[in-house]
C-alpha atoms as a PDB file:
ATOM      1  CA  UNK A   1      28.878  35.192   0.344  1.00  0.00           C
ATOM      2  CA  UNK A   2      25.637  33.575   1.451  1.00  0.00           C
ATOM      3  CA  UNK A   3      24.471  29.992   1.530  1.00  0.00           C
ATOM      4  CA  UNK A   4      21.820  28.803  -0.924  1.00  0.00           C
ATOM      5  CA  UNK A   5      18.861  27.378   0.388  1.00  0.00           C
ATOM      6  CA  UNK A   6      18.807  23.364  -0.455  1.00  0.00           C
ATOM      7  CA  UNK A   7      15.798  22.579  -2.170  1.00  0.00           C
ATOM      8  CA  UNK A   8      13.959  19.565  -1.215  1.00  0.00           C
ATOM      9  CA  UNK A   9      14.253  16.460  -2.635  1.00  0.00           C
ATOM     10  CA  UNK A  10      10.778  15.146  -3.476  1.00  0.00           C
ATOM     11  CA  UNK A  11       9.950  11.647  -2.561  1.00  0.00           C
ATOM     12  CA  UNK A  12       9.774   9.622  -5.365  1.00  0.00           C
ATOM     13  CA  UNK A  13       6.974   7.404  -3.599  1.00  0.00           C
ATOM     14  CA  UNK A  14       3.263   8.383  -2.183  1.00  0.00           C
ATOM     15  CA  UNK A  15       1.128   8.854   0.700  1.00  0.00           C
ATOM     16  CA  UNK A  16      -0.449   4.687   0.908  1.00  0.00           C
ATOM     17  CA  UNK A  17      -3.933   5.138   0.542  1.00  0.00           C
ATOM     18  CA  UNK A  18      -4.100   3.463   3.619  1.00  0.00           C
ATOM     19  CA  UNK A  19      -2.748   5.682   5.799  1.00  0.00           C
ATOM     20  CA  UNK A  20      -4.289   8.605   4.504  1.00  0.00           C
ATOM     21  CA  UNK A  21      -7.773   6.608   4.848  1.00  0.00           C
ATOM     22  CA  UNK A  22      -6.955   6.312   8.659  1.00  0.00           C
ATOM     23  CA  UNK A  23      -5.445   9.806   8.776  1.00  0.00           C
ATOM     24  CA  UNK A  24      -9.121  10.950   7.976  1.00  0.00           C
ATOM     25  CA  UNK A  25     -10.597   8.679   9.958  1.00  0.00           C
ATOM     26  CA  UNK A  26      -8.867   9.966  12.902  1.00  0.00           C
ATOM     27  CA  UNK A  27      -9.539  13.439  12.299  1.00  0.00           C
ATOM     28  CA  UNK A  28     -12.956  12.588  11.857  1.00  0.00           C
ATOM     29  CA  UNK A  29     -14.003  10.172  15.291  1.00  0.00           C
ATOM     30  CA  UNK A  30     -14.408  13.815  17.177  1.00  0.00           C
ATOM     31  CA  UNK A  31     -17.694  14.592  15.230  1.00  0.00           C
ATOM     32  CA  UNK A  32     -19.380  11.233  14.565  1.00  0.00           C
ATOM     33  CA  UNK A  33     -18.394   9.866  18.277  1.00  0.00           C
ATOM     34  CA  UNK A  34     -17.741  12.917  20.470  1.00  0.00           C
ATOM     35  CA  UNK A  35     -13.931  11.939  21.531  1.00  0.00           C
ATOM     36  CA  UNK A  36     -10.535  11.726  19.963  1.00  0.00           C
ATOM     37  CA  UNK A  37      -8.804   8.798  19.100  1.00  0.00           C
ATOM     38  CA  UNK A  38      -6.514   9.040  22.164  1.00  0.00           C
ATOM     39  CA  UNK A  39      -9.683   9.683  24.608  1.00  0.00           C
ATOM     40  CA  UNK A  40     -11.225   6.426  23.030  1.00  0.00           C
ATOM     41  CA  UNK A  41      -7.867   4.808  24.192  1.00  0.00           C
ATOM     42  CA  UNK A  42      -7.708   6.083  27.513  1.00  0.00           C
ATOM     43  CA  UNK A  43     -11.767   5.508  27.769  1.00  0.00           C
ATOM     44  CA  UNK A  44     -11.629   2.026  26.669  1.00  0.00           C
ATOM     45  CA  UNK A  45      -8.283   0.858  28.042  1.00  0.00           C
ATOM     46  CA  UNK A  46     -10.316   1.545  31.722  1.00  0.00           C
ATOM     47  CA  UNK A  47     -13.553   0.522  30.969  1.00  0.00           C
ATOM     48  CA  UNK A  48     -13.500  -2.019  28.286  1.00  0.00           C
ATOM     49  CA  UNK A  49     -13.433  -5.199  28.423  1.00  0.00           C
ATOM     50  CA  UNK A  50      -9.536  -6.860  27.988  1.00  0.00           C
ATOM     51  CA  UNK A  51     -10.855  -9.700  25.156  1.00  0.00           C
ATOM     52  CA  UNK A  52     -10.828  -7.656  21.961  1.00  0.00           C
ATOM     53  CA  UNK A  53     -13.760  -9.739  20.873  1.00  0.00           C
ATOM     54  CA  UNK A  54     -15.751  -8.659  24.197  1.00  0.00           C
ATOM     55  CA  UNK A  55     -14.089  -5.303  23.325  1.00  0.00           C
ATOM     56  CA  UNK A  56     -15.600  -4.701  20.049  1.00  0.00           C
ATOM     57  CA  UNK A  57     -19.146  -6.299  21.276  1.00  0.00           C
ATOM     58  CA  UNK A  58     -19.409  -3.375  24.200  1.00  0.00           C
ATOM     59  CA  UNK A  59     -18.093  -0.993  21.956  1.00  0.00           C
ATOM     60  CA  UNK A  60     -20.874  -1.589  19.279  1.00  0.00           C
ATOM     61  CA  UNK A  61     -23.521  -2.598  21.866  1.00  0.00           C
ATOM     62  CA  UNK A  62     -22.764   0.343  24.416  1.00  0.00           C
ATOM     63  CA  UNK A  63     -21.541   3.027  22.407  1.00  0.00           C
ATOM     64  CA  UNK A  64     -23.510   2.105  18.710  1.00  0.00           C
ATOM     65  CA  UNK A  65     -20.251   1.716  17.287  1.00  0.00           C
ATOM     66  CA  UNK A  66     -19.923   0.332  13.471  1.00  0.00           C
ATOM     67  CA  UNK A  67     -17.748  -2.723  12.922  1.00  0.00           C
ATOM     68  CA  UNK A  68     -14.762  -1.529  11.338  1.00  0.00           C
ATOM     69  CA  UNK A  69     -14.268   1.776  13.925  1.00  0.00           C
ATOM     70  CA  UNK A  70     -15.332  -0.480  16.709  1.00  0.00           C
ATOM     71  CA  UNK A  71     -12.311  -4.154  15.813  1.00  0.00           C
ATOM     72  CA  UNK A  72      -9.791  -0.760  15.041  1.00  0.00           C
ATOM     73  CA  UNK A  73     -10.248   0.881  18.505  1.00  0.00           C
ATOM     74  CA  UNK A  74     -10.343  -2.108  20.324  1.00  0.00           C
ATOM     75  CA  UNK A  75      -7.682  -3.319  18.845  1.00  0.00           C
ATOM     76  CA  UNK A  76      -5.556  -0.240  19.273  1.00  0.00           C
ATOM     77  CA  UNK A  77      -6.406   0.405  22.449  1.00  0.00           C
ATOM     78  CA  UNK A  78      -5.123  -3.829  23.182  1.00  0.00           C
ATOM     79  CA  UNK A  79      -1.364  -2.739  22.290  1.00  0.00           C
ATOM     80  CA  UNK A  80      -2.069  -4.507  18.591  1.00  0.00           C
ATOM     81  CA  UNK A  81       1.498  -3.310  16.956  1.00  0.00           C
ATOM     82  CA  UNK A  82       1.038  -1.124  15.038  1.00  0.00           C
ATOM     83  CA  UNK A  83       0.749  -1.363  11.148  1.00  0.00           C
ATOM     84  CA  UNK A  84       1.121   0.267   8.181  1.00  0.00           C
ATOM     85  CA  UNK A  85      -1.499   1.984   7.818  1.00  0.00           C
ATOM     86  CA  UNK A  86      -0.792   3.581  11.450  1.00  0.00           C
ATOM     87  CA  UNK A  87       1.574   6.388  10.278  1.00  0.00           C
ATOM     88  CA  UNK A  88       1.589   9.505   9.785  1.00  0.00           C
ATOM     89  CA  UNK A  89       2.044  10.581   5.576  1.00  0.00           C
ATOM     90  CA  UNK A  90       5.469  11.938   7.444  1.00  0.00           C
ATOM     91  CA  UNK A  91       6.570   9.011   9.180  1.00  0.00           C
ATOM     92  CA  UNK A  92       4.985   6.430   6.134  1.00  0.00           C
ATOM     93  CA  UNK A  93       7.262   8.647   3.483  1.00  0.00           C
ATOM     94  CA  UNK A  94      10.586   8.734   5.657  1.00  0.00           C
ATOM     95  CA  UNK A  95       9.712   4.576   5.742  1.00  0.00           C
ATOM     96  CA  UNK A  96       8.909   3.976   2.307  1.00  0.00           C
ATOM     97  CA  UNK A  97      12.592   4.250   0.667  1.00  0.00           C
ATOM     98  CA  UNK A  98      13.575   2.060   3.972  1.00  0.00           C
ATOM     99  CA  UNK A  99      10.823  -0.773   2.788  1.00  0.00           C
ATOM    100  CA  UNK A 100      12.185  -0.691  -0.680  1.00  0.00           C
ATOM    101  CA  UNK A 101      16.250  -1.027   0.197  1.00  0.00           C
ATOM    102  CA  UNK A 102      15.377  -3.409   2.808  1.00  0.00           C
ATOM    103  CA  UNK A 103      13.298  -5.605   0.493  1.00  0.00           C
ATOM    104  CA  UNK A 104      16.147  -6.036  -1.557  1.00  0.00           C
ATOM    105  CA  UNK A 105      18.668  -5.944   0.007  1.00  0.00           C
ATOM    106  CA  UNK A 106      20.593  -9.631   0.959  1.00  0.00           C
ATOM    107  CA  UNK A 107      19.857 -12.360  -1.800  1.00  0.00           C
ATOM    108  CA  UNK A 108      17.413  -9.982  -3.383  1.00  0.00           C
ATOM    109  CA  UNK A 109      19.999  -7.296  -3.835  1.00  0.00           C
ATOM    110  CA  UNK A 110      20.626  -8.344  -7.369  1.00  0.00           C
ATOM    111  CA  UNK A 111      17.071  -7.286  -8.753  1.00  0.00           C
ATOM    112  CA  UNK A 112      17.878  -3.887  -7.628  1.00  0.00           C
ATOM    113  CA  UNK A 113      18.512  -2.370 -11.017  1.00  0.00           C
ATOM    114  CA  UNK A 114      15.069  -4.570 -12.354  1.00  0.00           C
ATOM    115  CA  UNK A 115      12.979  -2.635  -9.494  1.00  0.00           C
ATOM    116  CA  UNK A 116      14.401   0.780 -10.545  1.00  0.00           C
ATOM    117  CA  UNK A 117      13.486   0.341 -13.938  1.00  0.00           C
ATOM    118  CA  UNK A 118      10.004  -0.500 -13.640  1.00  0.00           C
ATOM    119  CA  UNK A 119       9.905   2.056 -10.942  1.00  0.00           C
ATOM    120  CA  UNK A 120      10.824   4.604 -13.142  1.00  0.00           C
ATOM    121  CA  UNK A 121       8.678   3.392 -16.131  1.00  0.00           C
ATOM    122  CA  UNK A 122       5.845   3.122 -14.268  1.00  0.00           C
ATOM    123  CA  UNK A 123       6.252   6.705 -12.542  1.00  0.00           C
ATOM    124  CA  UNK A 124       7.284   8.182 -15.697  1.00  0.00           C
ATOM    125  CA  UNK A 125       3.953   6.772 -17.961  1.00  0.00           C
ATOM    126  CA  UNK A 126       1.322   9.421 -16.678  1.00  0.00           C
ATOM    127  CA  UNK A 127       1.576  12.430 -14.244  1.00  0.00           C
ATOM    128  CA  UNK A 128      -1.514  10.685 -11.727  1.00  0.00           C
ATOM    129  CA  UNK A 129       0.338   6.787 -11.701  1.00  0.00           C
ATOM    130  CA  UNK A 130       2.120   6.634  -8.189  1.00  0.00           C
ATOM    131  CA  UNK A 131       4.280   3.979  -6.164  1.00  0.00           C
ATOM    132  CA  UNK A 132       3.261   3.401  -2.555  1.00  0.00           C
ATOM    133  CA  UNK A 133       5.563   0.797  -0.892  1.00  0.00           C
ATOM    134  CA  UNK A 134       5.004  -1.582   1.289  1.00  0.00           C
ATOM    135  CA  UNK A 135       7.352  -3.835   3.208  1.00  0.00           C
ATOM    136  CA  UNK A 136       6.497  -7.007   0.785  1.00  0.00           C
ATOM    137  CA  UNK A 137       5.631  -5.349  -2.775  1.00  0.00           C
ATOM    138  CA  UNK A 138       5.038  -1.924  -4.087  1.00  0.00           C
ATOM    139  CA  UNK A 139       2.056  -1.113  -5.424  1.00  0.00           C
ATOM    140  CA  UNK A 140       1.549   0.842  -7.984  1.00  0.00           C
ATOM    141  CA  UNK A 141      -1.637   3.314  -8.145  1.00  0.00           C
ATOM    142  CA  UNK A 142      -4.026   5.394 -10.518  1.00  0.00           C
ATOM    143  CA  UNK A 143      -7.675   5.303  -8.568  1.00  0.00           C
ATOM    144  CA  UNK A 144      -6.798   1.906  -7.442  1.00  0.00           C
ATOM    145  CA  UNK A 145      -4.229  -0.674  -7.882  1.00  0.00           C
ATOM    146  CA  UNK A 146      -3.188  -1.385 -11.459  1.00  0.00           C
ATOM    147  CA  UNK A 147       0.423  -2.955 -11.089  1.00  0.00           C
ATOM    148  CA  UNK A 148       2.497  -4.433  -8.351  1.00  0.00           C
ATOM    149  CA  UNK A 149       6.333  -4.736  -8.126  1.00  0.00           C
ATOM    150  CA  UNK A 150       6.967  -7.851  -6.035  1.00  0.00           C
ATOM    151  CA  UNK A 151      10.478  -9.412  -5.457  1.00  0.00           C
ATOM    152  CA  UNK A 152       9.305 -12.935  -5.454  1.00  0.00           C
ATOM    153  CA  UNK A 153      12.186 -14.851  -5.605  1.00  0.00           C
ATOM    154  CA  UNK A 154      16.019 -14.503  -5.027  1.00  0.00           C
ATOM    155  CA  UNK A 155      16.288 -14.120  -9.625  1.00  0.00           C
ATOM    156  CA  UNK A 156      12.880 -12.781 -10.126  1.00  0.00           C
ATOM    157  CA  UNK A 157      10.214  -9.804 -10.124  1.00  0.00           C
ATOM    158  CA  UNK A 158       6.223 -10.427 -10.600  1.00  0.00           C
ATOM    159  CA  UNK A 159       5.291  -7.446 -12.550  1.00  0.00           C
ATOM    160  CA  UNK A 160       1.850  -7.418 -11.633  1.00  0.00           C
ATOM    161  CA  UNK A 161      -0.809  -6.280 -13.662  1.00  0.00           C
ATOM    162  CA  UNK A 162      -4.961  -5.259 -12.811  1.00  0.00           C
ATOM    163  CA  UNK A 163      -6.276  -6.702 -15.857  1.00  0.00           C
ATOM    164  CA  UNK A 164      -9.528  -8.546 -14.280  1.00  0.00           C
ATOM    165  CA  UNK A 165     -10.665 -10.984 -16.944  1.00  0.00           C
ATOM    166  CA  UNK A 166      -8.535  -9.809 -20.121  1.00  0.00           C
ATOM    167  CA  UNK A 167      -7.613 -12.811 -22.454  1.00  0.00           C
ATOM    168  CA  UNK A 168      -3.737 -12.071 -22.813  1.00  0.00           C
ATOM    169  CA  UNK A 169      -0.899 -13.908 -24.089  1.00  0.00           C
ATOM    170  CA  UNK A 170       0.689 -16.506 -22.309  1.00  0.00           C
ATOM    171  CA  UNK A 171       3.658 -14.651 -21.337  1.00  0.00           C
ATOM    172  CA  UNK A 172       0.782 -13.361 -19.294  1.00  0.00           C
ATOM    173  CA  UNK A 173       0.560 -15.854 -16.381  1.00  0.00           C
ATOM    174  CA  UNK A 174      -3.009 -15.525 -14.633  1.00  0.00           C
ATOM    175  CA  UNK A 175      -3.129 -15.373 -10.816  1.00  0.00           C
ATOM    176  CA  UNK A 176      -6.736 -16.472 -10.262  1.00  0.00           C
ATOM    177  CA  UNK A 177      -7.197 -12.793  -8.907  1.00  0.00           C
ATOM    178  CA  UNK A 178      -9.987 -12.186 -10.936  1.00  0.00           C
ATOM    179  CA  UNK A 179     -11.793 -15.338  -9.354  1.00  0.00           C
ATOM    180  CA  UNK A 180     -10.768 -14.321  -6.289  1.00  0.00           C
ATOM    181  CA  UNK A 181     -12.103 -10.618  -6.387  1.00  0.00           C
ATOM    182  CA  UNK A 182      -8.259  -9.337  -6.217  1.00  0.00           C
ATOM    183  CA  UNK A 183      -7.173  -6.372  -8.063  1.00  0.00           C
ATOM    184  CA  UNK A 184      -3.730  -8.162  -9.676  1.00  0.00           C
ATOM    185  CA  UNK A 185      -5.273 -10.204 -12.141  1.00  0.00           C
ATOM    186  CA  UNK A 186      -2.042 -11.511 -13.525  1.00  0.00           C
ATOM    187  CA  UNK A 187       1.840 -11.195 -13.644  1.00  0.00           C
ATOM    188  CA  UNK A 188       4.416 -10.508 -16.254  1.00  0.00           C
ATOM    189  CA  UNK A 189       7.837 -12.827 -14.640  1.00  0.00           C
ATOM    190  CA  UNK A 190      11.257 -10.359 -14.840  1.00  0.00           C
ATOM    191  CA  UNK A 191      14.528 -11.406 -14.359  1.00  0.00           C
ATOM    192  CA  UNK A 192      16.285  -8.654 -16.365  1.00  0.00           C
ATOM    193  CA  UNK A 193      16.213  -5.679 -17.667  1.00  0.00           C
ATOM    194  CA  UNK A 194      15.500  -6.797 -21.044  1.00  0.00           C
ATOM    195  CA  UNK A 195      12.084  -8.092 -20.155  1.00  0.00           C
ATOM    196  CA  UNK A 196      10.735  -4.600 -19.319  1.00  0.00           C
ATOM    197  CA  UNK A 197       9.283  -4.027 -23.015  1.00  0.00           C
ATOM    198  CA  UNK A 198       7.089  -2.879 -25.475  1.00  0.00           C
ATOM    199  CA  UNK A 199       4.602  -5.621 -24.644  1.00  0.00           C
ATOM    200  CA  UNK A 200       4.678  -4.790 -20.838  1.00  0.00           C
ATOM    201  CA  UNK A 201       4.498  -1.037 -21.115  1.00  0.00           C
ATOM    202  CA  UNK A 202       1.213  -2.209 -23.229  1.00  0.00           C
ATOM    203  CA  UNK A 203      -0.257  -3.888 -20.813  1.00  0.00           C
ATOM    204  CA  UNK A 204       0.748  -0.686 -18.179  1.00  0.00           C
ATOM    205  CA  UNK A 205      -1.269   1.212 -20.611  1.00  0.00           C
ATOM    206  CA  UNK A 206      -4.439  -1.262 -20.606  1.00  0.00           C
ATOM    207  CA  UNK A 207      -4.424  -1.748 -16.856  1.00  0.00           C
ATOM    208  CA  UNK A 208      -4.048   2.122 -16.700  1.00  0.00           C
ATOM    209  CA  UNK A 209      -6.732   2.702 -18.581  1.00  0.00           C
ATOM    210  CA  UNK A 210      -9.045   0.061 -17.404  1.00  0.00           C
ATOM    211  CA  UNK A 211      -8.754   2.462 -14.272  1.00  0.00           C
ATOM    212  CA  UNK A 212      -9.900   5.617 -15.348  1.00  0.00           C
END
């Protein structure tokens, strides 16, 4: 009897916007600069200054690059340890569940059921909501970050929300983020599953609607 092909399981997570942005930037380099990412690294290592700041200035002066591009290339040519944004989409999606597993390992393992419930609430809220884990937090996106799941202590997850300067009840703690131009402006402390209630979903909807 022939075996039925196994359907590949869809990831809970989506590619982090930072990964997609860097991939597009790398793809556009040959058109904008005449060299690929790898060719630039080789050129910088062979001809450029070894100090990052001096290299940035050299790239800007000799090659007409903008500051962001110059810094990115200088740091990569200097063998800066790769970060999340250096991953390919495929490798990021492979690493994303590992980020979460490590986040909720050891002393914070008891928080995992709360995380799983929060993630389920967020991902089932609307079709255009996505989760893109980092190493210490799990941002929730619509067009921009609208929420954030963070295991702050061994007994508490903070559910952050992007609510700008919205006046909220005392349950939502103002993080000071709006004044600092951070997306996350409020947080709801969550210590058990009962804290994930209709009021929390109401404020998630508010953050979602504000990012239309």
